[in-house]
Amino acid sequence: MADSANATAPLDSAAAATAAFAAVRDRPFPDDVFCAPQLRWAVVGCGVIATQMAESLALAGRRIHGVANRTHEKAIAFAERYGVGRVYDGFEELCADPEVDAVYITTPHNTHIRYLRGALAAGKHVLCEKSITLNSAELSEARALAHEHGVVLMDATTILHMPLYRELLRRARTGEFGRMNLAQLNFGSYKEYGDLTNRFYNINLAGGAMLDIGVYALSLMRIFMESQPTEVASLGNLASTGVDEAGGIVCRNGQGQIGVVSLTLHSKQPKRAVLSFDRCYVEVMDYPRADRATIVWTADGRREEVRAGVEGYALCYELADLEAAVAGDAERARLIDYAADVMALMDRLRADWGVVYPEESAAGVPC
């Protein structure tokens, strides 16, 4: 079998995920992924991410306990396909089920806060798909609810959970790489203008590059910075629907570390991250679910490949981190702090570009 690094890259994230699952489907599942006591999971929504969740748990010999979806017939079909134990008549019934420990919210961005309010108030731990909320005000409300009800709230952005970044951060924090000076990140997808009602360009579905793909780039930038950027300069282009379709961003924090990010929904570009340190630079391709990186050492140009985790288990790592946090892993529980920093950056950028979603206008949220 040819090395996947030399293979043609899938054209979109769905195809990439399908290929990643195919690569691990017949392998024995690692015994070091799920290390905390298992929780009983329910999922809200039954689209692409919910499907990946079901397939991910199946790799580990586990199943989803229950599913709720706006269209009940779709929930029934989903449950039959993936062996889900229970189909709820509505979200409220899911929240009332005492056998549900944790909920994975996989619905469109602008619906997240409604489901977060219900699940957290019902005492359920929650893993919420990116972007976790529309803005910082909603995220602060959700965090307060989680604290009030003694449950864990976690952002499902894959950057926060992939073992590769945990390993690179471990090495960086020992001082092996020297100081991180510059992070450069690209992310470009090609979404046609033909149907501006699709979720990517639809302002009523909280579309736009920032919440859909920018969250990955800004999350990776932030976790390798010593602190939150305080200076931000940017240019953004808006689609005719009022959402951001492209942006160029430069950030700097108090330590003088700089982040440079380029995003576009209407041009293909590589998902490439380069983290430049004193002693080396680290290059990561297809970084949202990456399991390998290349370190190029400054002194002699030596190239070192680092591998950690497996792309096909990306959602397993998310679920496992939530379960670990519930079991008392404080480091995993603090991942939400990075999500809050990223959300604050996205708020600031959208405000500069004039991107305001209908829910924000109705609520009087300053953007």
Protein backbone atom coordinates (compact mmCIF):
# COMPACT_ATOMS: atom_id res chain seq x y z
CA MET A 1 0.00 0.00 0.00
CA ALA A 2 1.38 3.41 -0.95
CA ASP A 3 2.23 5.93 1.75
CA SER A 4 -0.76 8.23 2.17
CA ALA A 5 1.56 11.25 2.14
CA ASN A 6 2.31 10.51 -1.53
CA ALA A 7 -1.31 9.92 -2.51
CA THR A 8 -3.56 12.48 -4.14
CA ALA A 9 -5.33 14.50 -1.47
CA PRO A 10 -9.15 14.24 -1.35
CA LEU A 11 -10.86 17.30 -2.80
CA ASP A 12 -12.97 18.16 0.23
CA SER A 13 -13.21 17.50 3.95
CA ALA A 14 -16.00 14.94 3.60
CA ALA A 15 -13.93 12.92 1.12
CA ALA A 16 -10.89 13.24 3.37
CA ALA A 17 -12.85 11.93 6.36
CA THR A 18 -14.20 9.03 4.30
CA ALA A 19 -10.67 8.10 3.22
CA ALA A 20 -9.39 8.39 6.80
CA PHE A 21 -12.12 6.08 8.12
CA ALA A 22 -11.45 3.60 5.33
CA ALA A 23 -7.78 3.50 6.28
CA VAL A 24 -8.50 2.43 9.88
CA ARG A 25 -11.71 0.43 9.53
CA ASP A 26 -9.99 -2.96 9.51
CA ARG A 27 -7.34 -2.14 12.11
CA PRO A 28 -7.57 -3.17 15.76
CA PHE A 29 -8.73 -0.15 17.76
CA PRO A 30 -5.95 1.28 19.99
CA ASP A 31 -6.36 0.68 23.71
CA ASP A 32 -4.93 4.10 24.66
CA VAL A 33 -7.65 6.36 23.19
CA PHE A 34 -10.56 5.87 25.59
CA CYS A 35 -8.93 5.70 29.02
CA ALA A 36 -11.63 7.25 31.24
CA PRO A 37 -14.92 5.64 32.29
CA GLN A 38 -17.29 5.46 29.33
CA LEU A 39 -20.22 7.86 29.15
CA ARG A 40 -23.56 7.24 27.50
CA TRP A 41 -23.75 9.60 24.54
CA ALA A 42 -26.66 11.13 22.67
CA VAL A 43 -26.34 13.21 19.53
CA VAL A 44 -28.37 16.18 18.33
CA GLY A 45 -28.55 16.26 14.54
CA CYS A 46 -27.87 13.41 12.15
CA GLY A 47 -25.81 15.01 9.38
CA VAL A 48 -22.18 14.56 8.37
CA ILE A 49 -20.62 15.08 11.81
CA ALA A 50 -23.17 12.87 13.57
CA THR A 51 -22.44 10.17 11.01
CA GLN A 52 -18.72 10.48 11.70
CA MET A 53 -19.42 10.27 15.43
CA ALA A 54 -21.38 7.05 14.98
CA GLU A 55 -18.66 5.57 12.79
CA SER A 56 -15.96 6.67 15.25
CA LEU A 57 -17.66 5.00 18.21
CA ALA A 58 -18.23 1.88 16.12
CA LEU A 59 -14.48 1.64 15.54
CA ALA A 60 -14.13 1.37 19.32
CA GLY A 61 -16.95 -1.16 19.60
CA ARG A 62 -19.33 1.42 21.08
CA ARG A 63 -22.70 2.81 20.02
CA ILE A 64 -24.65 6.03 20.45
CA HIS A 65 -27.31 5.76 23.14
CA GLY A 66 -29.83 8.12 21.52
CA VAL A 67 -30.47 10.65 18.75
CA ALA A 68 -32.72 13.69 18.32
CA ASN A 69 -33.21 15.52 15.06
CA ARG A 70 -35.52 18.22 13.71
CA THR A 71 -36.83 15.75 11.13
CA HIS A 72 -37.94 12.68 13.06
CA GLU A 73 -37.86 10.39 10.02
CA LYS A 74 -34.18 11.16 9.46
CA ALA A 75 -33.45 10.31 13.08
CA ILE A 76 -35.17 6.95 12.68
CA ALA A 77 -33.15 6.18 9.53
CA PHE A 78 -29.94 7.25 11.30
CA ALA A 79 -30.70 5.05 14.30
CA GLU A 80 -31.44 2.04 12.11
CA ARG A 81 -28.23 2.50 10.16
CA TYR A 82 -25.94 2.92 13.15
CA GLY A 83 -27.64 0.82 15.80
CA VAL A 84 -28.60 3.79 17.97
CA GLY A 85 -30.55 2.64 21.00
CA ARG A 86 -33.21 5.32 21.16
CA VAL A 87 -34.85 7.92 18.91
CA TYR A 88 -36.33 10.84 20.83
CA ASP A 89 -39.51 12.61 19.84
CA GLY A 90 -37.75 15.90 20.50
CA PHE A 91 -34.74 17.53 22.10
CA GLU A 92 -36.59 18.02 25.39
CA GLU A 93 -37.11 14.26 25.66
CA LEU A 94 -33.39 13.70 25.13
CA CYS A 95 -32.58 16.14 27.93
CA ALA A 96 -35.02 14.40 30.25
CA ASP A 97 -33.48 10.95 29.69
CA PRO A 98 -31.57 10.01 32.89
CA GLU A 99 -29.55 7.44 30.95
CA VAL A 100 -27.83 10.14 28.87
CA ASP A 101 -24.58 11.38 30.37
CA ALA A 102 -23.22 13.49 27.52
CA VAL A 103 -24.57 15.20 24.41
CA TYR A 104 -22.78 15.95 21.14
CA ILE A 105 -24.35 18.94 19.36
CA THR A 106 -23.78 18.73 15.59
CA THR A 107 -26.40 21.15 14.25
CA PRO A 108 -25.75 24.47 12.39
CA HIS A 109 -23.79 27.16 14.27
CA ASN A 110 -26.74 29.44 14.92
CA THR A 111 -28.71 26.71 16.72
CA HIS A 112 -25.95 25.74 19.16
CA ILE A 113 -26.82 28.10 21.99
CA ARG A 114 -30.41 26.85 22.15
CA TYR A 115 -29.27 23.25 22.50
CA LEU A 116 -26.47 24.22 24.87
CA ARG A 117 -28.92 25.92 27.19
CA GLY A 118 -31.19 22.89 27.30
CA ALA A 119 -28.53 20.21 27.67
CA LEU A 120 -26.39 22.03 30.23
CA ALA A 121 -29.40 23.01 32.35
CA ALA A 122 -30.44 19.34 32.30
CA GLY A 123 -27.10 18.37 33.81
CA LYS A 124 -25.60 16.84 30.66
CA HIS A 125 -21.97 17.18 29.72
CA VAL A 126 -21.70 18.72 26.26
CA LEU A 127 -19.31 18.44 23.34
CA CYS A 128 -20.34 21.04 20.77
CA GLU A 129 -19.26 21.13 17.15
CA LYS A 130 -17.38 24.18 15.87
CA SER A 131 -18.04 27.00 15.94
CA ILE A 132 -19.21 26.32 19.48
CA THR A 133 -21.37 29.47 19.52
CA LEU A 134 -21.91 32.53 17.34
CA ASN A 135 -20.05 34.88 19.67
CA SER A 136 -18.43 35.39 23.06
CA ALA A 137 -21.63 36.46 24.77
CA GLU A 138 -23.25 33.12 23.93
CA LEU A 139 -20.14 31.20 24.96
CA SER A 140 -19.93 33.03 28.29
CA GLU A 141 -23.57 32.17 28.94
CA ALA A 142 -22.94 28.50 28.14
CA ARG A 143 -19.84 28.37 30.36
CA ALA A 144 -21.79 29.91 33.23
CA LEU A 145 -24.53 27.29 32.81
CA ALA A 146 -21.96 24.48 32.79
CA HIS A 147 -20.42 25.82 35.98
CA GLU A 148 -23.81 26.26 37.64
CA HIS A 149 -24.86 22.68 36.90
CA GLY A 150 -21.46 21.07 37.53
CA VAL A 151 -20.94 19.68 34.04
CA VAL A 152 -18.21 19.86 31.43
CA LEU A 153 -18.54 21.98 28.30
CA MET A 154 -16.06 21.27 25.51
CA ASP A 155 -15.41 22.69 22.04
CA ALA A 156 -15.15 19.98 19.37
CA THR A 157 -12.69 21.87 17.13
CA THR A 158 -10.33 19.04 16.17
CA ILE A 159 -7.19 21.17 16.63
CA LEU A 160 -7.77 21.09 20.40
CA HIS A 161 -7.87 17.29 20.52
CA MET A 162 -5.45 15.78 18.00
CA PRO A 163 -2.52 13.96 19.67
CA LEU A 164 -0.10 15.49 17.16
CA TYR A 165 -0.54 18.95 18.66
CA ARG A 166 -0.32 17.62 22.17
CA GLU A 167 3.06 16.10 21.30
CA LEU A 168 4.34 19.21 19.51
CA LEU A 169 3.21 21.41 22.40
CA ARG A 170 4.94 19.11 24.87
CA ARG A 171 8.22 19.47 23.01
CA ALA A 172 7.80 23.20 22.50
CA ARG A 173 7.13 23.77 26.20
CA THR A 174 10.32 21.98 27.20
CA GLY A 175 12.23 24.65 25.25
CA GLU A 176 13.50 22.19 22.65
CA PHE A 177 12.33 24.36 19.74
CA GLY A 178 13.22 27.71 21.27
CA ARG A 179 10.82 30.62 21.20
CA MET A 180 7.87 30.58 18.79
CA ASN A 181 8.07 33.75 16.70
CA LEU A 182 5.65 33.41 13.80
CA ALA A 183 2.66 31.25 12.88
CA GLN A 184 1.48 31.26 9.26
CA LEU A 185 -1.74 29.44 8.39
CA ASN A 186 -3.69 29.04 5.16
CA PHE A 187 -7.11 27.51 4.61
CA GLY A 188 -8.94 27.73 1.32
CA SER A 189 -12.00 25.88 0.05
CA TYR A 190 -13.82 26.35 -3.22
CA LYS A 191 -17.55 26.80 -2.73
CA GLU A 192 -19.43 27.85 -5.85
CA TYR A 193 -21.60 30.95 -5.91
CA GLY A 194 -24.33 29.05 -7.75
CA ASP A 195 -26.35 28.32 -4.62
CA LEU A 196 -25.97 31.15 -2.13
CA THR A 197 -28.57 29.55 0.13
CA ASN A 198 -26.17 26.78 1.17
CA ARG A 199 -24.75 26.95 4.68
CA PHE A 200 -21.39 28.38 3.60
CA TYR A 201 -22.85 31.63 2.24
CA ASN A 202 -26.19 31.79 4.06
CA ILE A 203 -26.26 34.47 6.74
CA ASN A 204 -29.38 32.86 8.24
CA LEU A 205 -27.30 29.71 8.88
CA ALA A 206 -24.33 31.66 10.31
CA GLY A 207 -22.28 31.05 7.20
CA GLY A 208 -18.95 32.56 6.26
CA ALA A 209 -15.29 31.62 6.29
CA MET A 210 -14.60 32.73 9.85
CA LEU A 211 -16.89 30.36 11.74
CA ASP A 212 -16.50 27.49 9.30
CA ILE A 213 -12.75 27.37 8.55
CA GLY A 214 -11.19 30.31 10.36
CA VAL A 215 -11.79 28.63 13.70
CA TYR A 216 -9.25 25.93 12.76
CA ALA A 217 -6.53 28.37 11.79
CA LEU A 218 -7.04 30.66 14.77
CA SER A 219 -7.16 27.70 17.18
CA LEU A 220 -3.86 26.32 15.95
CA MET A 221 -2.28 29.77 16.07
CA ARG A 222 -3.56 30.39 19.60
CA ILE A 223 -2.47 27.14 21.24
CA PHE A 224 1.15 27.74 20.24
CA MET A 225 1.15 31.39 21.36
CA GLU A 226 2.07 32.21 24.92
CA SER A 227 -0.93 34.52 25.30
CA GLN A 228 -3.95 35.89 23.49
CA PRO A 229 -3.15 38.38 20.68
CA THR A 230 -3.95 41.96 21.66
CA GLU A 231 -3.24 43.64 18.32
CA VAL A 232 -5.24 42.60 15.27
CA ALA A 233 -5.21 44.02 11.73
CA SER A 234 -7.24 42.52 8.91
CA LEU A 235 -9.01 42.86 5.59
CA GLY A 236 -12.16 40.91 4.79
CA ASN A 237 -14.23 40.44 1.65
CA LEU A 238 -17.96 39.83 1.98
CA ALA A 239 -20.19 37.76 -0.25
CA SER A 240 -23.39 39.30 -1.57
CA THR A 241 -25.25 37.58 1.28
CA GLY A 242 -23.32 39.54 3.92
CA VAL A 243 -21.07 36.78 5.22
CA ASP A 244 -17.28 36.83 4.98
CA GLU A 245 -15.92 34.85 2.05
CA ALA A 246 -12.22 35.71 2.39
CA GLY A 247 -9.91 37.38 4.86
CA GLY A 248 -6.32 38.24 5.62
CA ILE A 249 -5.42 38.55 9.30
CA VAL A 250 -2.29 39.61 11.21
CA CYS A 251 -2.16 39.29 15.00
CA ARG A 252 0.44 40.03 17.68
CA ASN A 253 0.46 39.27 21.39
CA GLY A 254 2.28 40.85 24.31
CA GLN A 255 5.30 38.60 23.80
CA GLY A 256 5.72 39.82 20.21
CA GLN A 257 4.58 36.55 18.66
CA ILE A 258 2.89 37.13 15.31
CA GLY A 259 0.17 35.13 13.57
CA VAL A 260 -0.62 35.51 9.87
CA VAL A 261 -3.80 33.83 8.62
CA SER A 262 -5.40 33.69 5.15
CA LEU A 263 -8.89 32.28 4.58
CA THR A 264 -11.13 31.89 1.55
CA LEU A 265 -14.31 30.05 0.67
CA HIS A 266 -14.04 30.71 -3.06
CA SER A 267 -10.48 29.58 -3.90
CA LYS A 268 -8.71 26.34 -3.20
CA GLN A 269 -5.48 26.64 -1.25
CA PRO A 270 -3.59 24.16 0.90
CA LYS A 271 -4.48 23.71 4.53
CA ARG A 272 -0.91 24.50 5.52
CA ALA A 273 0.47 25.65 8.85
CA VAL A 274 4.06 26.73 9.49
CA LEU A 275 5.13 27.44 13.07
CA SER A 276 8.51 29.20 13.16
CA PHE A 277 10.67 28.86 16.27
CA ASP A 278 14.25 29.94 17.03
CA ARG A 279 15.71 26.50 16.38
CA CYS A 280 13.34 25.09 13.78
CA TYR A 281 10.12 25.46 11.89
CA VAL A 282 7.26 22.98 12.03
CA GLU A 283 5.17 22.39 8.91
CA VAL A 284 1.77 20.70 9.08
CA MET A 285 -0.29 19.93 5.98
CA ASP A 286 -4.06 19.34 6.14
CA TYR A 287 -3.80 20.53 9.71
CA PRO A 288 -7.41 20.29 10.99
CA ARG A 289 -7.07 16.52 11.61
CA ALA A 290 -3.36 16.05 11.05
CA ASP A 291 -1.44 13.10 12.45
CA ARG A 292 2.01 14.03 11.14
CA ALA A 293 4.27 17.08 10.92
CA THR A 294 7.72 17.89 9.60
CA ILE A 295 10.31 19.69 11.71
CA VAL A 296 13.10 21.44 9.79
CA TRP A 297 15.99 22.29 12.09
CA THR A 298 17.60 25.70 11.58
CA ALA A 299 21.21 24.73 12.30
CA ASP A 300 21.66 22.06 9.64
CA GLY A 301 18.43 21.83 7.63
CA ARG A 302 17.75 18.35 8.98
CA ARG A 303 14.16 17.19 8.48
CA GLU A 304 12.38 15.20 11.18
CA GLU A 305 8.97 13.65 10.74
CA VAL A 306 6.74 13.53 13.81
CA ARG A 307 3.72 11.25 13.96
CA ALA A 308 1.15 11.10 16.74
CA GLY A 309 -2.40 9.85 16.68
CA VAL A 310 -4.33 8.76 13.59
CA GLU A 311 -6.43 11.02 11.37
CA GLY A 312 -9.24 8.49 11.20
CA TYR A 313 -9.72 8.61 14.96
CA ALA A 314 -10.18 12.42 15.08
CA LEU A 315 -13.67 12.32 16.58
CA CYS A 316 -12.65 9.56 18.98
CA TYR A 317 -10.07 11.94 20.44
CA GLU A 318 -12.75 14.59 20.95
CA LEU A 319 -15.09 12.18 22.71
CA ALA A 320 -12.23 10.77 24.77
CA ASP A 321 -11.15 14.25 25.91
CA LEU A 322 -14.66 15.02 27.14
CA GLU A 323 -14.77 11.75 29.05
CA ALA A 324 -11.32 12.43 30.52
CA ALA A 325 -12.38 15.91 31.64
CA VAL A 326 -15.47 14.48 33.31
CA ALA A 327 -13.21 11.99 35.09
CA GLY A 328 -11.13 14.85 36.50
CA ASP A 329 -8.48 15.66 33.90
CA ALA A 330 -8.00 19.38 34.54
CA GLU A 331 -5.87 19.96 31.44
CA ARG A 332 -8.64 18.65 29.19
CA ALA A 333 -11.25 20.68 31.06
CA ARG A 334 -9.24 23.86 30.41
CA LEU A 335 -9.39 23.43 26.63
CA ILE A 336 -12.50 25.61 26.71
CA ASP A 337 -10.25 28.56 27.63
CA TYR A 338 -8.58 28.36 24.21
CA ALA A 339 -12.02 28.24 22.61
CA ALA A 340 -12.97 31.43 24.45
CA ASP A 341 -9.84 33.23 23.24
CA VAL A 342 -10.51 32.16 19.65
CA MET A 343 -14.14 33.26 19.91
CA ALA A 344 -13.05 36.70 21.13
CA LEU A 345 -10.75 37.02 18.11
CA MET A 346 -13.52 35.98 15.73
CA ASP A 347 -15.88 38.52 17.32
CA ARG A 348 -13.33 41.27 16.79
CA LEU A 349 -12.68 40.31 13.17
CA ARG A 350 -16.36 40.03 12.27
CA ALA A 351 -16.97 43.41 13.88
CA ASP A 352 -14.23 44.94 11.75
CA TRP A 353 -15.74 43.39 8.62
CA GLY A 354 -19.36 44.16 9.48
CA VAL A 355 -20.60 40.57 9.61
CA VAL A 356 -23.62 40.43 11.91
CA TYR A 357 -25.97 37.45 12.09
CA PRO A 358 -29.74 37.91 12.47
CA GLU A 359 -29.73 36.37 15.97
CA GLU A 360 -27.14 38.93 17.06
CA SER A 361 -29.13 41.85 15.67
CA ALA A 362 -32.27 40.60 17.40
CA ALA A 363 -30.43 40.16 20.70
CA GLY A 364 -28.64 43.49 20.47
CA VAL A 365 -25.22 41.81 20.60
CA PRO A 366 -22.49 44.35 19.72
CA CYS A 367 -20.53 43.21 16.66
